[in-house]
Amino acid sequence: MSEYIPIQCGLHDSYELACIRNLVDKVIWRGDDGQIHRHKLRFLTIEIKDGGEYLVAADQDGIPFHIRLDRIESMPPGHQKA
């Protein structure tokens, strides 16, 4: 796994706000294998583990996803680019 690259503070805040609001949105990210993943997920929380920050989200069936923030290619709901 590659070294974690911290994301911008404003982007991080948008992920946290989406989790607080328990929002549902399509998330696009690149997996460890380089494959692109697309799922409609409910934002649950942000957690820190193994030196990186992860979005914890769940699909409509409740299946959990732990997605490293620096691998997410889509913008969180409501995020305004600076």
Protein backbone atom coordinates (compact mmCIF):
# COMPACT_ATOMS: atom_id res chain seq x y z
CA MET A 1 0.00 0.00 0.00
CA SER A 2 1.28 3.48 -0.83
CA GLU A 3 1.97 6.17 1.77
CA TYR A 4 -1.06 8.23 2.81
CA ILE A 5 -1.18 11.77 1.39
CA PRO A 6 -3.25 14.12 3.61
CA ILE A 7 -6.17 15.82 1.84
CA GLN A 8 -7.03 19.54 2.00
CA CYS A 9 -8.66 20.71 5.24
CA GLY A 10 -11.76 22.06 3.46
CA LEU A 11 -12.29 18.74 1.68
CA HIS A 12 -11.82 16.87 4.97
CA ASP A 13 -14.40 19.15 6.62
CA SER A 14 -16.87 18.35 3.82
CA TYR A 15 -16.46 14.60 4.43
CA GLU A 16 -16.99 15.11 8.17
CA LEU A 17 -20.12 17.19 7.54
CA ALA A 18 -21.49 14.53 5.17
CA CYS A 19 -20.95 11.95 7.94
CA ILE A 20 -22.64 14.12 10.58
CA ARG A 21 -25.62 14.53 8.25
CA ASN A 22 -25.58 10.82 7.37
CA LEU A 23 -25.81 11.74 3.67
CA VAL A 24 -26.06 9.28 0.79
CA ASP A 25 -24.15 9.94 -2.44
CA LYS A 26 -22.18 8.17 -5.18
CA VAL A 27 -18.54 7.71 -4.19
CA ILE A 28 -15.82 7.01 -6.76
CA TRP A 29 -12.43 5.79 -5.57
CA ARG A 30 -9.36 3.89 -6.70
CA GLY A 31 -8.67 0.63 -4.86
CA ASP A 32 -5.26 -0.68 -3.80
CA ASP A 33 -5.14 -2.62 -7.07
CA GLY A 34 -5.74 0.55 -9.13
CA GLN A 35 -9.29 -0.47 -10.05
CA ILE A 36 -11.98 2.25 -10.03
CA HIS A 37 -14.97 1.58 -7.75
CA ARG A 38 -18.35 3.37 -7.85
CA HIS A 39 -21.01 2.85 -5.19
CA LYS A 40 -23.89 4.82 -3.75
CA LEU A 41 -23.01 4.95 -0.05
CA ARG A 42 -24.23 6.40 3.24
CA PHE A 43 -21.48 8.45 4.92
CA LEU A 44 -21.01 7.24 8.52
CA THR A 45 -17.74 8.46 10.05
CA ILE A 46 -14.06 9.18 9.50
CA GLU A 47 -11.51 6.96 11.23
CA ILE A 48 -7.74 6.95 11.51
CA LYS A 49 -5.85 3.68 11.19
CA ASP A 50 -2.50 2.48 9.87
CA GLY A 51 -1.31 6.07 9.40
CA GLY A 52 -4.18 7.09 7.11
CA GLU A 53 -7.67 8.54 7.29
CA TYR A 54 -10.64 6.52 6.05
CA LEU A 55 -14.24 7.22 5.19
CA VAL A 56 -16.47 4.59 6.77
CA ALA A 57 -19.62 4.23 4.69
CA ALA A 58 -22.28 1.61 3.96
CA ASP A 59 -24.27 0.63 0.90
CA GLN A 60 -28.05 0.20 0.89
CA ASP A 61 -27.68 -3.35 2.25
CA GLY A 62 -25.56 -2.14 5.17
CA ILE A 63 -22.33 -3.59 3.79
CA PRO A 64 -19.48 -1.46 5.19
CA PHE A 65 -16.73 0.17 3.14
CA HIS A 66 -13.50 1.65 4.53
CA ILE A 67 -12.13 3.99 1.86
CA ARG A 68 -8.85 5.82 2.25
CA LEU A 69 -9.57 9.54 1.82
CA ASP A 70 -6.65 10.20 -0.53
CA ARG A 71 -7.97 7.55 -2.93
CA ILE A 72 -11.43 9.09 -3.35
CA GLU A 73 -11.84 10.74 -6.76
CA SER A 74 -15.36 12.15 -6.34
CA MET A 75 -16.26 15.20 -4.24
CA PRO A 76 -18.33 14.81 -1.07
CA PRO A 77 -21.91 16.12 -1.14
CA GLY A 78 -22.07 19.90 -0.83
CA HIS A 79 -18.31 20.46 -1.25
CA GLN A 80 -17.47 23.82 -2.84
CA LYS A 81 -14.11 24.00 -4.61
CA ALA A 82 -12.01 26.98 -3.52
